[in-house]
PDB file of N, CA and C in Angstrom:
ATOM      1  N   MET A   1     -32.959  51.498 -14.837  1.00  0.00           N
ATOM      2  CA  MET A   1     -34.328  51.515 -15.296  1.00  0.00           C
ATOM      3  C   MET A   1     -35.126  52.499 -14.434  1.00  0.00           C
ATOM      4  N   ARG A   2     -36.105  53.097 -15.022  1.00  0.00           N
ATOM      5  CA  ARG A   2     -36.921  54.096 -14.340  1.00  0.00           C
ATOM      6  C   ARG A   2     -38.082  53.488 -13.562  1.00  0.00           C
ATOM      7  N   LEU A   3     -38.047  52.232 -13.353  1.00  0.00           N
ATOM      8  CA  LEU A   3     -39.171  51.544 -12.722  1.00  0.00           C
ATOM      9  C   LEU A   3     -39.531  52.138 -11.367  1.00  0.00           C
ATOM     10  N   ARG A   4     -38.559  52.336 -10.515  1.00  0.00           N
ATOM     11  CA  ARG A   4     -38.833  52.860  -9.171  1.00  0.00           C
ATOM     12  C   ARG A   4     -39.512  54.225  -9.244  1.00  0.00           C
ATOM     13  N   ALA A   5     -39.001  55.108 -10.093  1.00  0.00           N
ATOM     14  CA  ALA A   5     -39.577  56.453 -10.210  1.00  0.00           C
ATOM     15  C   ALA A   5     -41.017  56.385 -10.703  1.00  0.00           C
ATOM     16  N   LEU A   6     -41.280  55.553 -11.699  1.00  0.00           N
ATOM     17  CA  LEU A   6     -42.650  55.414 -12.208  1.00  0.00           C
ATOM     18  C   LEU A   6     -43.578  54.855 -11.139  1.00  0.00           C
ATOM     19  N   ARG A   7     -43.100  53.869 -10.420  1.00  0.00           N
ATOM     20  CA  ARG A   7     -43.916  53.246  -9.378  1.00  0.00           C
ATOM     21  C   ARG A   7     -44.239  54.250  -8.275  1.00  0.00           C
ATOM     22  N   LYS A   8     -43.242  55.002  -7.846  1.00  0.00           N
ATOM     23  CA  LYS A   8     -43.467  55.996  -6.790  1.00  0.00           C
ATOM     24  C   LYS A   8     -44.353  57.139  -7.269  1.00  0.00           C
ATOM     25  N   GLN A   9     -44.191  57.503  -8.528  1.00  0.00           N
ATOM     26  CA  GLN A   9     -45.015  58.572  -9.109  1.00  0.00           C
ATOM     27  C   GLN A   9     -46.492  58.193  -9.062  1.00  0.00           C
ATOM     28  N   LYS A  10     -46.782  56.918  -9.264  1.00  0.00           N
ATOM     29  CA  LYS A  10     -48.170  56.427  -9.234  1.00  0.00           C
ATOM     30  C   LYS A  10     -48.588  55.997  -7.833  1.00  0.00           C
ATOM     31  N   ASN A  11     -47.676  56.138  -6.867  1.00  0.00           N
ATOM     32  CA  ASN A  11     -47.940  55.773  -5.479  1.00  0.00           C
ATOM     33  C   ASN A  11     -48.347  54.295  -5.346  1.00  0.00           C
ATOM     34  N   ILE A  12     -47.570  53.432  -5.982  1.00  0.00           N
ATOM     35  CA  ILE A  12     -47.831  51.997  -5.979  1.00  0.00           C
ATOM     36  C   ILE A  12     -46.684  51.305  -5.244  1.00  0.00           C
ATOM     37  N   SER A  13     -47.019  50.393  -4.368  1.00  0.00           N
ATOM     38  CA  SER A  13     -45.983  49.634  -3.664  1.00  0.00           C
ATOM     39  C   SER A  13     -45.404  48.559  -4.585  1.00  0.00           C
ATOM     40  N   GLN A  14     -44.243  48.066  -4.211  1.00  0.00           N
ATOM     41  CA  GLN A  14     -43.651  46.961  -4.962  1.00  0.00           C
ATOM     42  C   GLN A  14     -44.582  45.753  -4.950  1.00  0.00           C
ATOM     43  N   LEU A  15     -45.195  45.506  -3.814  1.00  0.00           N
ATOM     44  CA  LEU A  15     -46.087  44.358  -3.686  1.00  0.00           C
ATOM     45  C   LEU A  15     -47.309  44.496  -4.597  1.00  0.00           C
ATOM     46  N   LYS A  16     -47.903  45.683  -4.648  1.00  0.00           N
ATOM     47  CA  LYS A  16     -49.067  45.914  -5.511  1.00  0.00           C
ATOM     48  C   LYS A  16     -48.694  45.711  -6.977  1.00  0.00           C
ATOM     49  N   LEU A  17     -47.566  46.272  -7.381  1.00  0.00           N
ATOM     50  CA  LEU A  17     -47.115  46.119  -8.754  1.00  0.00           C
ATOM     51  C   LEU A  17     -46.868  44.647  -9.072  1.00  0.00           C
ATOM     52  N   ALA A  18     -46.207  43.966  -8.173  1.00  0.00           N
ATOM     53  CA  ALA A  18     -45.925  42.540  -8.368  1.00  0.00           C
ATOM     54  C   ALA A  18     -47.220  41.742  -8.496  1.00  0.00           C
ATOM     55  N   MET A  19     -48.184  42.021  -7.656  1.00  0.00           N
ATOM     56  CA  MET A  19     -49.462  41.306  -7.711  1.00  0.00           C
ATOM     57  C   MET A  19     -50.200  41.606  -9.009  1.00  0.00           C
ATOM     58  N   ASP A  20     -50.196  42.857  -9.431  1.00  0.00           N
ATOM     59  CA  ASP A  20     -50.878  43.248 -10.663  1.00  0.00           C
ATOM     60  C   ASP A  20     -50.266  42.573 -11.889  1.00  0.00           C
ATOM     61  N   LEU A  21     -48.944  42.325 -11.837  1.00  0.00           N
ATOM     62  CA  LEU A  21     -48.246  41.744 -12.986  1.00  0.00           C
ATOM     63  C   LEU A  21     -47.952  40.253 -12.809  1.00  0.00           C
ATOM     64  N   ASN A  22     -48.498  39.677 -11.733  1.00  0.00           N
ATOM     65  CA  ASN A  22     -48.305  38.254 -11.460  1.00  0.00           C
ATOM     66  C   ASN A  22     -46.825  37.898 -11.331  1.00  0.00           C
ATOM     67  N   MET A  23     -46.121  38.698 -10.550  1.00  0.00           N
ATOM     68  CA  MET A  23     -44.689  38.509 -10.287  1.00  0.00           C
ATOM     69  C   MET A  23     -44.484  38.489  -8.783  1.00  0.00           C
ATOM     70  N   SER A  24     -43.251  38.250  -8.380  1.00  0.00           N
ATOM     71  CA  SER A  24     -42.931  38.344  -6.958  1.00  0.00           C
ATOM     72  C   SER A  24     -42.437  39.760  -6.637  1.00  0.00           C
ATOM     73  N   GLN A  25     -42.638  40.152  -5.400  1.00  0.00           N
ATOM     74  CA  GLN A  25     -42.153  41.455  -4.952  1.00  0.00           C
ATOM     75  C   GLN A  25     -40.634  41.486  -5.022  1.00  0.00           C
ATOM     76  N   ASN A  26     -40.015  40.353  -4.788  1.00  0.00           N
ATOM     77  CA  ASN A  26     -38.563  40.252  -4.849  1.00  0.00           C
ATOM     78  C   ASN A  26     -38.045  40.565  -6.252  1.00  0.00           C
ATOM     79  N   SER A  27     -38.753  40.115  -7.283  1.00  0.00           N
ATOM     80  CA  SER A  27     -38.348  40.412  -8.666  1.00  0.00           C
ATOM     81  C   SER A  27     -38.412  41.906  -8.937  1.00  0.00           C
ATOM     82  N   ILE A  28     -39.491  42.544  -8.508  1.00  0.00           N
ATOM     83  CA  ILE A  28     -39.631  43.997  -8.691  1.00  0.00           C
ATOM     84  C   ILE A  28     -38.476  44.713  -8.002  1.00  0.00           C
ATOM     85  N   SER A  29     -38.173  44.312  -6.789  1.00  0.00           N
ATOM     86  CA  SER A  29     -37.079  44.923  -6.044  1.00  0.00           C
ATOM     87  C   SER A  29     -35.757  44.768  -6.787  1.00  0.00           C
ATOM     88  N   ARG A  30     -35.500  43.590  -7.321  1.00  0.00           N
ATOM     89  CA  ARG A  30     -34.249  43.358  -8.034  1.00  0.00           C
ATOM     90  C   ARG A  30     -34.170  44.153  -9.336  1.00  0.00           C
ATOM     91  N   TYR A  31     -35.301  44.326 -10.024  1.00  0.00           N
ATOM     92  CA  TYR A  31     -35.311  45.164 -11.229  1.00  0.00           C
ATOM     93  C   TYR A  31     -34.979  46.604 -10.851  1.00  0.00           C
ATOM     94  N   GLU A  32     -35.556  47.071  -9.752  1.00  0.00           N
ATOM     95  CA  GLU A  32     -35.342  48.459  -9.338  1.00  0.00           C
ATOM     96  C   GLU A  32     -33.903  48.738  -8.907  1.00  0.00           C
ATOM     97  N   THR A  33     -33.271  47.766  -8.299  1.00  0.00           N
ATOM     98  CA  THR A  33     -31.897  47.974  -7.817  1.00  0.00           C
ATOM     99  C   THR A  33     -30.860  47.659  -8.885  1.00  0.00           C
ATOM    100  N   GLY A  34     -31.300  47.076 -10.002  1.00  0.00           N
ATOM    101  CA  GLY A  34     -30.375  46.720 -11.058  1.00  0.00           C
ATOM    102  C   GLY A  34     -29.690  45.383 -10.833  1.00  0.00           C
ATOM    103  N   GLU A  35     -30.114  44.689  -9.791  1.00  0.00           N
ATOM    104  CA  GLU A  35     -29.549  43.385  -9.491  1.00  0.00           C
ATOM    105  C   GLU A  35     -29.960  42.340 -10.534  1.00  0.00           C
ATOM    106  N   ARG A  36     -31.067  42.620 -11.188  1.00  0.00           N
ATOM    107  CA  ARG A  36     -31.595  41.717 -12.214  1.00  0.00           C
ATOM    108  C   ARG A  36     -32.119  42.548 -13.372  1.00  0.00           C
ATOM    109  N   GLU A  37     -31.969  42.046 -14.600  1.00  0.00           N
ATOM    110  CA  GLU A  37     -32.490  42.753 -15.774  1.00  0.00           C
ATOM    111  C   GLU A  37     -33.755  42.067 -16.268  1.00  0.00           C
ATOM    112  N   ALA A  38     -34.710  42.874 -16.670  1.00  0.00           N
ATOM    113  CA  ALA A  38     -35.983  42.357 -17.149  1.00  0.00           C
ATOM    114  C   ALA A  38     -35.831  41.769 -18.551  1.00  0.00           C
ATOM    115  N   ASP A  39     -36.534  40.670 -18.800  1.00  0.00           N
ATOM    116  CA  ASP A  39     -36.552  40.092 -20.145  1.00  0.00           C
ATOM    117  C   ASP A  39     -37.561  40.858 -21.005  1.00  0.00           C
ATOM    118  N   TYR A  40     -37.657  40.478 -22.288  1.00  0.00           N
ATOM    119  CA  TYR A  40     -38.543  41.195 -23.212  1.00  0.00           C
ATOM    120  C   TYR A  40     -39.992  41.191 -22.734  1.00  0.00           C
ATOM    121  N   ARG A  41     -40.472  40.041 -22.324  1.00  0.00           N
ATOM    122  CA  ARG A  41     -41.864  39.921 -21.881  1.00  0.00           C
ATOM    123  C   ARG A  41     -42.139  40.858 -20.700  1.00  0.00           C
ATOM    124  N   THR A  42     -41.212  40.898 -19.756  1.00  0.00           N
ATOM    125  CA  THR A  42     -41.377  41.743 -18.576  1.00  0.00           C
ATOM    126  C   THR A  42     -41.308  43.218 -18.937  1.00  0.00           C
ATOM    127  N   LEU A  43     -40.402  43.576 -19.844  1.00  0.00           N
ATOM    128  CA  LEU A  43     -40.328  44.976 -20.284  1.00  0.00           C
ATOM    129  C   LEU A  43     -41.642  45.415 -20.917  1.00  0.00           C
ATOM    130  N   ILE A  44     -42.220  44.552 -21.723  1.00  0.00           N
ATOM    131  CA  ILE A  44     -43.501  44.875 -22.352  1.00  0.00           C
ATOM    132  C   ILE A  44     -44.593  45.026 -21.299  1.00  0.00           C
ATOM    133  N   LEU A  45     -44.638  44.116 -20.333  1.00  0.00           N
ATOM    134  CA  LEU A  45     -45.626  44.202 -19.253  1.00  0.00           C
ATOM    135  C   LEU A  45     -45.499  45.521 -18.482  1.00  0.00           C
ATOM    136  N   LEU A  46     -44.263  45.867 -18.134  1.00  0.00           N
ATOM    137  CA  LEU A  46     -44.039  47.094 -17.369  1.00  0.00           C
ATOM    138  C   LEU A  46     -44.382  48.339 -18.188  1.00  0.00           C
ATOM    139  N   ALA A  47     -43.971  48.356 -19.446  1.00  0.00           N
ATOM    140  CA  ALA A  47     -44.271  49.509 -20.305  1.00  0.00           C
ATOM    141  C   ALA A  47     -45.777  49.665 -20.491  1.00  0.00           C
ATOM    142  N   ASP A  48     -46.478  48.576 -20.710  1.00  0.00           N
ATOM    143  CA  ASP A  48     -47.934  48.636 -20.855  1.00  0.00           C
ATOM    144  C   ASP A  48     -48.605  49.067 -19.553  1.00  0.00           C
ATOM    145  N   TYR A  49     -48.122  48.563 -18.445  1.00  0.00           N
ATOM    146  CA  TYR A  49     -48.703  48.888 -17.141  1.00  0.00           C
ATOM    147  C   TYR A  49     -48.619  50.385 -16.863  1.00  0.00           C
ATOM    148  N   PHE A  50     -47.460  50.974 -17.140  1.00  0.00           N
ATOM    149  CA  PHE A  50     -47.261  52.401 -16.865  1.00  0.00           C
ATOM    150  C   PHE A  50     -47.553  53.287 -18.072  1.00  0.00           C
ATOM    151  N   ASP A  51     -47.930  52.686 -19.184  1.00  0.00           N
ATOM    152  CA  ASP A  51     -48.245  53.400 -20.420  1.00  0.00           C
ATOM    153  C   ASP A  51     -47.086  54.295 -20.860  1.00  0.00           C
ATOM    154  N   VAL A  52     -45.910  53.696 -20.882  1.00  0.00           N
ATOM    155  CA  VAL A  52     -44.705  54.382 -21.359  1.00  0.00           C
ATOM    156  C   VAL A  52     -44.007  53.478 -22.376  1.00  0.00           C
ATOM    157  N   SER A  53     -43.062  54.042 -23.095  1.00  0.00           N
ATOM    158  CA  SER A  53     -42.313  53.234 -24.056  1.00  0.00           C
ATOM    159  C   SER A  53     -41.230  52.421 -23.339  1.00  0.00           C
ATOM    160  N   ILE A  54     -40.822  51.351 -23.965  1.00  0.00           N
ATOM    161  CA  ILE A  54     -39.728  50.551 -23.421  1.00  0.00           C
ATOM    162  C   ILE A  54     -38.449  51.381 -23.406  1.00  0.00           C
ATOM    163  N   ASP A  55     -38.245  52.197 -24.424  1.00  0.00           N
ATOM    164  CA  ASP A  55     -37.070  53.073 -24.449  1.00  0.00           C
ATOM    165  C   ASP A  55     -37.050  54.001 -23.241  1.00  0.00           C
ATOM    166  N   TYR A  56     -38.208  54.486 -22.829  1.00  0.00           N
ATOM    167  CA  TYR A  56     -38.282  55.343 -21.644  1.00  0.00           C
ATOM    168  C   TYR A  56     -37.908  54.551 -20.395  1.00  0.00           C
ATOM    169  N   LEU A  57     -38.434  53.338 -20.280  1.00  0.00           N
ATOM    170  CA  LEU A  57     -38.094  52.478 -19.141  1.00  0.00           C
ATOM    171  C   LEU A  57     -36.587  52.249 -19.054  1.00  0.00           C
ATOM    172  N   LEU A  58     -35.969  52.039 -20.206  1.00  0.00           N
ATOM    173  CA  LEU A  58     -34.541  51.723 -20.250  1.00  0.00           C
ATOM    174  C   LEU A  58     -33.657  52.964 -20.288  1.00  0.00           C
ATOM    175  N   GLU A  59     -34.264  54.140 -20.135  1.00  0.00           N
ATOM    176  CA  GLU A  59     -33.559  55.424 -20.100  1.00  0.00           C
ATOM    177  C   GLU A  59     -32.833  55.735 -21.394  1.00  0.00           C
ATOM    178  N   ARG A  60     -33.402  55.269 -22.516  1.00  0.00           N
ATOM    179  CA  ARG A  60     -32.845  55.585 -23.834  1.00  0.00           C
ATOM    180  C   ARG A  60     -33.433  56.878 -24.380  1.00  0.00           C
ATOM    181  N   THR A  61     -34.509  57.349 -23.746  1.00  0.00           N
ATOM    182  CA  THR A  61     -35.145  58.608 -24.116  1.00  0.00           C
ATOM    183  C   THR A  61     -35.774  59.211 -22.868  1.00  0.00           C
ATOM    184  N   ASP A  62     -35.995  60.517 -22.921  1.00  0.00           N
ATOM    185  CA  ASP A  62     -36.690  61.183 -21.821  1.00  0.00           C
ATOM    186  C   ASP A  62     -38.162  61.400 -22.146  1.00  0.00           C
ATOM    187  N   ASN A  63     -38.581  60.935 -23.312  1.00  0.00           N
ATOM    188  CA  ASN A  63     -39.973  61.068 -23.735  1.00  0.00           C
ATOM    189  C   ASN A  63     -40.736  59.785 -23.368  1.00  0.00           C
ATOM    190  N   PRO A  64     -41.644  59.844 -22.417  1.00  0.00           N
ATOM    191  CA  PRO A  64     -42.344  58.637 -21.984  1.00  0.00           C
ATOM    192  C   PRO A  64     -43.437  58.171 -22.940  1.00  0.00           C
ATOM    193  N   LYS A  65     -43.810  58.997 -23.890  1.00  0.00           N
ATOM    194  CA  LYS A  65     -44.944  58.671 -24.760  1.00  0.00           C
ATOM    195  C   LYS A  65     -44.649  57.477 -25.674  1.00  0.00           C
ATOM    196  N   VAL A  66     -45.658  56.665 -25.813  1.00  0.00           N
ATOM    197  CA  VAL A  66     -45.587  55.517 -26.709  1.00  0.00           C
ATOM    198  C   VAL A  66     -46.007  55.973 -28.084  1.00  0.00           C
ATOM    199  N   GLN A  67     -45.226  55.666 -29.099  1.00  0.00           N
ATOM    200  CA  GLN A  67     -45.597  56.009 -30.464  1.00  0.00           C
ATOM    201  C   GLN A  67     -46.229  54.800 -31.118  1.00  0.00           C
ATOM    202  N   ARG A  68     -47.490  54.936 -31.468  1.00  0.00           N
ATOM    203  CA  ARG A  68     -48.232  53.815 -32.065  1.00  0.00           C
ATOM    204  C   ARG A  68     -48.682  54.166 -33.446  1.00  0.00           C
TER     205      ARG A  68
END
């Protein structure tokens, strides 16, 4: 998942992201390392937070734009 790259691009710490999304920092860390996979609700939260598509998060496309 591109979570780490998006987070670093926005200069956001794991703790800040976790607090903004009402999650634990440990969960963010596990998503970034691939130790844990995000569920649908979490994928939507992350995609909305970074304003990217879920496909972009999951590396199914290189186009970050959301098509609405």
